[in-house]
Amino acid sequence: GIIMPLSEGDIVKANITSVSKSTGGCPGAL
C-alpha cells in the first residue's frame, strides 16, 4: 500500500477497448 518510489517513468497514449462494470462490492475497470 505504499507509494512506489520513482526512479524514472514515462507516459504513452492509450485506447480504451471495453469496460468491466462496477457492482456493489466489486469495482470494475477500464
PDB file of all heavy atoms in Angstrom:
ATOM      1  N   GLY A   1       0.786  -1.221   0.000  1.00  0.00           N
ATOM      2  CA  GLY A   1       0.000   0.000   0.000  1.00  0.00           C
ATOM      3  C   GLY A   1       0.818   1.271   0.000  1.00  0.00           C
ATOM      4  O   GLY A   1       0.257   2.370  -0.028  1.00  0.00           O
ATOM      5  N   ILE A   2       2.151   1.168  -0.016  1.00  0.00           N
ATOM      6  CA  ILE A   2       2.972   2.387  -0.016  1.00  0.00           C
ATOM      7  C   ILE A   2       3.085   2.938  -1.430  1.00  0.00           C
ATOM      8  O   ILE A   2       2.954   2.213  -2.421  1.00  0.00           O
ATOM      9  CB  ILE A   2       4.378   2.127   0.557  1.00  0.00           C
ATOM     10  CG1 ILE A   2       5.225   1.295  -0.423  1.00  0.00           C
ATOM     11  CG2 ILE A   2       4.332   1.484   1.920  1.00  0.00           C
ATOM     12  CD1 ILE A   2       6.700   1.372  -0.145  1.00  0.00           C
ATOM     13  N   ILE A   3       3.330   4.244  -1.532  1.00  0.00           N
ATOM     14  CA  ILE A   3       3.523   4.878  -2.834  1.00  0.00           C
ATOM     15  C   ILE A   3       4.857   4.424  -3.405  1.00  0.00           C
ATOM     16  O   ILE A   3       5.888   4.482  -2.734  1.00  0.00           O
ATOM     17  CB  ILE A   3       3.464   6.405  -2.714  1.00  0.00           C
ATOM     18  CG1 ILE A   3       2.042   6.835  -2.343  1.00  0.00           C
ATOM     19  CG2 ILE A   3       3.904   7.077  -4.010  1.00  0.00           C
ATOM     20  CD1 ILE A   3       1.862   8.319  -2.195  1.00  0.00           C
ATOM     21  N   MET A   4       4.844   3.949  -4.641  1.00  0.00           N
ATOM     22  CA  MET A   4       6.052   3.434  -5.274  1.00  0.00           C
ATOM     23  C   MET A   4       7.070   4.553  -5.447  1.00  0.00           C
ATOM     24  O   MET A   4       6.781   5.583  -6.079  1.00  0.00           O
ATOM     25  CB  MET A   4       5.714   2.846  -6.640  1.00  0.00           C
ATOM     26  CG  MET A   4       4.660   1.757  -6.616  1.00  0.00           C
ATOM     27  SD  MET A   4       5.299   0.160  -6.096  1.00  0.00           S
ATOM     28  CE  MET A   4       6.085  -0.397  -7.605  1.00  0.00           C
ATOM     29  N   PRO A   5       8.290   4.409  -4.876  1.00  0.00           N
ATOM     30  CA  PRO A   5       9.313   5.443  -5.035  1.00  0.00           C
ATOM     31  C   PRO A   5       9.776   5.501  -6.487  1.00  0.00           C
ATOM     32  O   PRO A   5      10.128   4.486  -7.078  1.00  0.00           O
ATOM     33  CB  PRO A   5      10.437   4.985  -4.101  1.00  0.00           C
ATOM     34  CG  PRO A   5      10.238   3.499  -3.971  1.00  0.00           C
ATOM     35  CD  PRO A   5       8.763   3.268  -4.069  1.00  0.00           C
ATOM     36  N   LEU A   6       9.751   6.678  -7.072  1.00  0.00           N
ATOM     37  CA  LEU A   6      10.000   6.824  -8.509  1.00  0.00           C
ATOM     38  C   LEU A   6      11.474   7.046  -8.814  1.00  0.00           C
ATOM     39  O   LEU A   6      12.116   7.930  -8.245  1.00  0.00           O
ATOM     40  CB  LEU A   6       9.179   8.006  -9.053  1.00  0.00           C
ATOM     41  CG  LEU A   6       9.379   8.350 -10.527  1.00  0.00           C
ATOM     42  CD1 LEU A   6       8.790   7.252 -11.415  1.00  0.00           C
ATOM     43  CD2 LEU A   6       8.747   9.695 -10.866  1.00  0.00           C
ATOM     44  N   SER A   7      11.989   6.230  -9.712  1.00  0.00           N
ATOM     45  CA  SER A   7      13.313   6.456 -10.273  1.00  0.00           C
ATOM     46  C   SER A   7      13.171   7.157 -11.618  1.00  0.00           C
ATOM     47  O   SER A   7      13.756   8.200 -11.865  1.00  0.00           O
ATOM     48  CB  SER A   7      14.066   5.139 -10.454  1.00  0.00           C
ATOM     49  OG  SER A   7      15.271   5.332 -11.162  1.00  0.00           O
ATOM     50  N   GLU A   8      12.351   6.588 -12.472  1.00  0.00           N
ATOM     51  CA  GLU A   8      12.039   7.193 -13.769  1.00  0.00           C
ATOM     52  C   GLU A   8      10.737   6.602 -14.278  1.00  0.00           C
ATOM     53  O   GLU A   8      10.261   5.582 -13.776  1.00  0.00           O
ATOM     54  CB  GLU A   8      13.166   6.949 -14.768  1.00  0.00           C
ATOM     55  CG  GLU A   8      13.465   5.482 -15.011  1.00  0.00           C
ATOM     56  CD  GLU A   8      14.664   5.269 -15.906  1.00  0.00           C
ATOM     57  OE1 GLU A   8      15.791   5.511 -15.459  1.00  0.00           O
ATOM     58  OE2 GLU A   8      14.439   4.867 -17.067  1.00  0.00           O
ATOM     59  N   GLY A   9      10.165   7.248 -15.264  1.00  0.00           N
ATOM     60  CA  GLY A   9       8.915   6.749 -15.831  1.00  0.00           C
ATOM     61  C   GLY A   9       8.494   7.573 -17.027  1.00  0.00           C
ATOM     62  O   GLY A   9       9.015   8.670 -17.259  1.00  0.00           O
ATOM     63  N   ASP A  10       7.561   7.057 -17.770  1.00  0.00           N
ATOM     64  CA  ASP A  10       7.058   7.808 -18.913  1.00  0.00           C
ATOM     65  C   ASP A  10       5.579   7.544 -19.115  1.00  0.00           C
ATOM     66  O   ASP A  10       4.988   6.659 -18.494  1.00  0.00           O
ATOM     67  CB  ASP A  10       7.854   7.501 -20.186  1.00  0.00           C
ATOM     68  CG  ASP A  10       7.736   6.047 -20.627  1.00  0.00           C
ATOM     69  OD1 ASP A  10       7.117   5.245 -19.903  1.00  0.00           O
ATOM     70  OD2 ASP A  10       8.257   5.709 -21.705  1.00  0.00           O
ATOM     71  N   ILE A  11       4.977   8.355 -19.966  1.00  0.00           N
ATOM     72  CA  ILE A  11       3.573   8.200 -20.317  1.00  0.00           C
ATOM     73  C   ILE A  11       3.453   7.942 -21.814  1.00  0.00           C
ATOM     74  O   ILE A  11       4.294   8.395 -22.608  1.00  0.00           O
ATOM     75  CB  ILE A  11       2.730   9.430 -19.927  1.00  0.00           C
ATOM     76  CG1 ILE A  11       3.242  10.681 -20.649  1.00  0.00           C
ATOM     77  CG2 ILE A  11       2.748   9.647 -18.435  1.00  0.00           C
ATOM     78  CD1 ILE A  11       2.358  11.888 -20.473  1.00  0.00           C
ATOM     79  N   VAL A  12       2.439   7.200 -22.183  1.00  0.00           N
ATOM     80  CA  VAL A  12       2.187   6.898 -23.592  1.00  0.00           C
ATOM     81  C   VAL A  12       0.694   7.026 -23.863  1.00  0.00           C
ATOM     82  O   VAL A  12      -0.125   7.022 -22.940  1.00  0.00           O
ATOM     83  CB  VAL A  12       2.657   5.464 -23.951  1.00  0.00           C
ATOM     84  CG1 VAL A  12       4.162   5.343 -23.837  1.00  0.00           C
ATOM     85  CG2 VAL A  12       1.968   4.434 -23.063  1.00  0.00           C
ATOM     86  N   LYS A  13       0.351   7.135 -25.100  1.00  0.00           N
ATOM     87  CA  LYS A  13      -1.057   7.198 -25.473  1.00  0.00           C
ATOM     88  C   LYS A  13      -1.716   5.842 -25.236  1.00  0.00           C
ATOM     89  O   LYS A  13      -1.074   4.798 -25.298  1.00  0.00           O
ATOM     90  CB  LYS A  13      -1.189   7.591 -26.942  1.00  0.00           C
ATOM     91  CG  LYS A  13      -0.736   9.017 -27.234  1.00  0.00           C
ATOM     92  CD  LYS A  13      -0.920   9.354 -28.701  1.00  0.00           C
ATOM     93  CE  LYS A  13      -0.499  10.790 -28.991  1.00  0.00           C
ATOM     94  NZ  LYS A  13      -0.666  11.143 -30.426  1.00  0.00           N
ATOM     95  N   ALA A  14      -3.016   5.884 -24.930  1.00  0.00           N
ATOM     96  CA  ALA A  14      -3.748   4.650 -24.647  1.00  0.00           C
ATOM     97  C   ALA A  14      -5.136   4.697 -25.271  1.00  0.00           C
ATOM     98  O   ALA A  14      -5.686   5.773 -25.536  1.00  0.00           O
ATOM     99  CB  ALA A  14      -3.852   4.436 -23.137  1.00  0.00           C
ATOM    100  N   ASN A  15      -5.701   3.528 -25.488  1.00  0.00           N
ATOM    101  CA  ASN A  15      -7.047   3.369 -26.031  1.00  0.00           C
ATOM    102  C   ASN A  15      -7.854   2.460 -25.105  1.00  0.00           C
ATOM    103  O   ASN A  15      -7.357   1.436 -24.648  1.00  0.00           O
ATOM    104  CB  ASN A  15      -6.999   2.741 -27.419  1.00  0.00           C
ATOM    105  CG  ASN A  15      -7.301   3.754 -28.514  1.00  0.00           C
ATOM    106  OD1 ASN A  15      -6.685   4.812 -28.566  1.00  0.00           O
ATOM    107  ND2 ASN A  15      -8.235   3.428 -29.388  1.00  0.00           N
ATOM    108  N   ILE A  16      -9.100   2.838 -24.854  1.00  0.00           N
ATOM    109  CA  ILE A  16      -9.998   2.017 -24.053  1.00  0.00           C
ATOM    110  C   ILE A  16     -10.812   1.132 -24.995  1.00  0.00           C
ATOM    111  O   ILE A  16     -11.457   1.629 -25.921  1.00  0.00           O
ATOM    112  CB  ILE A  16     -10.941   2.869 -23.192  1.00  0.00           C
ATOM    113  CG1 ILE A  16     -10.127   3.819 -22.304  1.00  0.00           C
ATOM    114  CG2 ILE A  16     -11.840   1.988 -22.341  1.00  0.00           C
ATOM    115  CD1 ILE A  16      -9.163   3.139 -21.375  1.00  0.00           C
ATOM    116  N   THR A  17     -10.780  -0.186 -24.754  1.00  0.00           N
ATOM    117  CA  THR A  17     -11.471  -1.126 -25.640  1.00  0.00           C
ATOM    118  C   THR A  17     -12.778  -1.647 -25.059  1.00  0.00           C
ATOM    119  O   THR A  17     -13.697  -1.994 -25.805  1.00  0.00           O
ATOM    120  CB  THR A  17     -10.564  -2.325 -25.962  1.00  0.00           C
ATOM    121  OG1 THR A  17     -10.130  -2.935 -24.725  1.00  0.00           O
ATOM    122  CG2 THR A  17      -9.334  -1.862 -26.743  1.00  0.00           C
ATOM    123  N   SER A  18     -12.857  -1.744 -23.729  1.00  0.00           N
ATOM    124  CA  SER A  18     -14.069  -2.258 -23.099  1.00  0.00           C
ATOM    125  C   SER A  18     -14.100  -1.841 -21.636  1.00  0.00           C
ATOM    126  O   SER A  18     -13.129  -1.293 -21.108  1.00  0.00           O
ATOM    127  CB  SER A  18     -14.131  -3.792 -23.212  1.00  0.00           C
ATOM    128  OG  SER A  18     -13.039  -4.383 -22.541  1.00  0.00           O
ATOM    129  N   VAL A  19     -15.229  -2.123 -20.990  1.00  0.00           N
ATOM    130  CA  VAL A  19     -15.398  -1.771 -19.585  1.00  0.00           C
ATOM    131  C   VAL A  19     -15.928  -2.967 -18.818  1.00  0.00           C
ATOM    132  O   VAL A  19     -16.890  -3.610 -19.231  1.00  0.00           O
ATOM    133  CB  VAL A  19     -16.380  -0.586 -19.414  1.00  0.00           C
ATOM    134  CG1 VAL A  19     -16.569  -0.272 -17.942  1.00  0.00           C
ATOM    135  CG2 VAL A  19     -15.890   0.648 -20.159  1.00  0.00           C
ATOM    136  N   SER A  20     -15.279  -3.253 -17.705  1.00  0.00           N
ATOM    137  CA  SER A  20     -15.813  -4.219 -16.752  1.00  0.00           C
ATOM    138  C   SER A  20     -16.616  -3.424 -15.728  1.00  0.00           C
ATOM    139  O   SER A  20     -16.055  -2.612 -14.998  1.00  0.00           O
ATOM    140  CB  SER A  20     -14.664  -4.985 -16.069  1.00  0.00           C
ATOM    141  OG  SER A  20     -15.146  -5.781 -15.009  1.00  0.00           O
ATOM    142  N   LYS A  21     -17.932  -3.621 -15.702  1.00  0.00           N
ATOM    143  CA  LYS A  21     -18.811  -2.779 -14.886  1.00  0.00           C
ATOM    144  C   LYS A  21     -18.588  -2.983 -13.395  1.00  0.00           C
ATOM    145  O   LYS A  21     -18.298  -4.085 -12.935  1.00  0.00           O
ATOM    146  CB  LYS A  21     -20.283  -3.050 -15.220  1.00  0.00           C
ATOM    147  CG  LYS A  21     -20.722  -2.576 -16.581  1.00  0.00           C
ATOM    148  CD  LYS A  21     -22.215  -2.825 -16.800  1.00  0.00           C
ATOM    149  CE  LYS A  21     -23.082  -1.996 -15.893  1.00  0.00           C
ATOM    150  NZ  LYS A  21     -24.516  -2.076 -16.228  1.00  0.00           N
ATOM    151  N   SER A  22     -18.755  -1.880 -12.658  1.00  0.00           N
ATOM    152  CA  SER A  22     -18.727  -1.952 -11.201  1.00  0.00           C
ATOM    153  C   SER A  22     -20.074  -2.427 -10.679  1.00  0.00           C
ATOM    154  O   SER A  22     -21.128  -2.065 -11.206  1.00  0.00           O
ATOM    155  CB  SER A  22     -18.421  -0.571 -10.604  1.00  0.00           C
ATOM    156  OG  SER A  22     -17.063  -0.244 -10.723  1.00  0.00           O
ATOM    157  N   THR A  23     -20.012  -3.241  -9.650  1.00  0.00           N
ATOM    158  CA  THR A  23     -21.217  -3.655  -8.921  1.00  0.00           C
ATOM    159  C   THR A  23     -20.926  -3.514  -7.433  1.00  0.00           C
ATOM    160  O   THR A  23     -19.770  -3.357  -7.034  1.00  0.00           O
ATOM    161  CB  THR A  23     -21.600  -5.109  -9.241  1.00  0.00           C
ATOM    162  OG1 THR A  23     -20.499  -5.960  -8.901  1.00  0.00           O
ATOM    163  CG2 THR A  23     -21.936  -5.274 -10.710  1.00  0.00           C
ATOM    164  N   GLY A  24     -21.951  -3.531  -6.622  1.00  0.00           N
ATOM    165  CA  GLY A  24     -21.758  -3.404  -5.194  1.00  0.00           C
ATOM    166  C   GLY A  24     -20.801  -4.455  -4.655  1.00  0.00           C
ATOM    167  O   GLY A  24     -21.045  -5.644  -4.810  1.00  0.00           O
ATOM    168  N   GLY A  25     -19.697  -4.024  -4.058  1.00  0.00           N
ATOM    169  CA  GLY A  25     -18.709  -4.940  -3.508  1.00  0.00           C
ATOM    170  C   GLY A  25     -17.628  -5.356  -4.475  1.00  0.00           C
ATOM    171  O   GLY A  25     -16.660  -6.013  -4.080  1.00  0.00           O
ATOM    172  N   CYS A  26     -17.757  -4.969  -5.747  1.00  0.00           N
ATOM    173  CA  CYS A  26     -16.762  -5.378  -6.756  1.00  0.00           C
ATOM    174  C   CYS A  26     -16.544  -4.239  -7.754  1.00  0.00           C
ATOM    175  O   CYS A  26     -17.351  -4.063  -8.675  1.00  0.00           O
ATOM    176  CB  CYS A  26     -17.233  -6.633  -7.481  1.00  0.00           C
ATOM    177  SG  CYS A  26     -16.036  -7.258  -8.682  1.00  0.00           S
ATOM    178  N   PRO A  27     -15.468  -3.455  -7.586  1.00  0.00           N
ATOM    179  CA  PRO A  27     -15.215  -2.365  -8.518  1.00  0.00           C
ATOM    180  C   PRO A  27     -14.812  -2.890  -9.893  1.00  0.00           C
ATOM    181  O   PRO A  27     -14.080  -3.884 -10.003  1.00  0.00           O
ATOM    182  CB  PRO A  27     -14.056  -1.607  -7.860  1.00  0.00           C
ATOM    183  CG  PRO A  27     -13.380  -2.610  -6.992  1.00  0.00           C
ATOM    184  CD  PRO A  27     -14.461  -3.531  -6.505  1.00  0.00           C
ATOM    185  N   GLY A  28     -15.307  -2.254 -10.932  1.00  0.00           N
ATOM    186  CA  GLY A  28     -14.962  -2.636 -12.297  1.00  0.00           C
ATOM    187  C   GLY A  28     -13.681  -1.964 -12.755  1.00  0.00           C
ATOM    188  O   GLY A  28     -12.931  -1.399 -11.960  1.00  0.00           O
ATOM    189  N   ALA A  29     -13.422  -2.009 -14.067  1.00  0.00           N
ATOM    190  CA  ALA A  29     -12.183  -1.441 -14.586  1.00  0.00           C
ATOM    191  C   ALA A  29     -12.332  -1.095 -16.057  1.00  0.00           C
ATOM    192  O   ALA A  29     -13.105  -1.728 -16.790  1.00  0.00           O
ATOM    193  CB  ALA A  29     -11.028  -2.416 -14.395  1.00  0.00           C
ATOM    194  N   LEU A  30     -11.588  -0.077 -16.481  1.00  0.00           N
ATOM    195  CA  LEU A  30     -11.440   0.227 -17.892  1.00  0.00           C
ATOM    196  C   LEU A  30     -10.398  -0.720 -18.460  1.00  0.00           C
ATOM    197  O   LEU A  30      -9.323  -0.892 -17.884  1.00  0.00           O
ATOM    198  CB  LEU A  30     -10.989   1.673 -18.099  1.00  0.00           C
ATOM    199  CG  LEU A  30     -11.932   2.783 -17.627  1.00  0.00           C
ATOM    200  CD1 LEU A  30     -11.291   4.154 -17.840  1.00  0.00           C
ATOM    201  CD2 LEU A  30     -13.264   2.707 -18.351  1.00  0.00           C
TER     202      LEU A  30
END
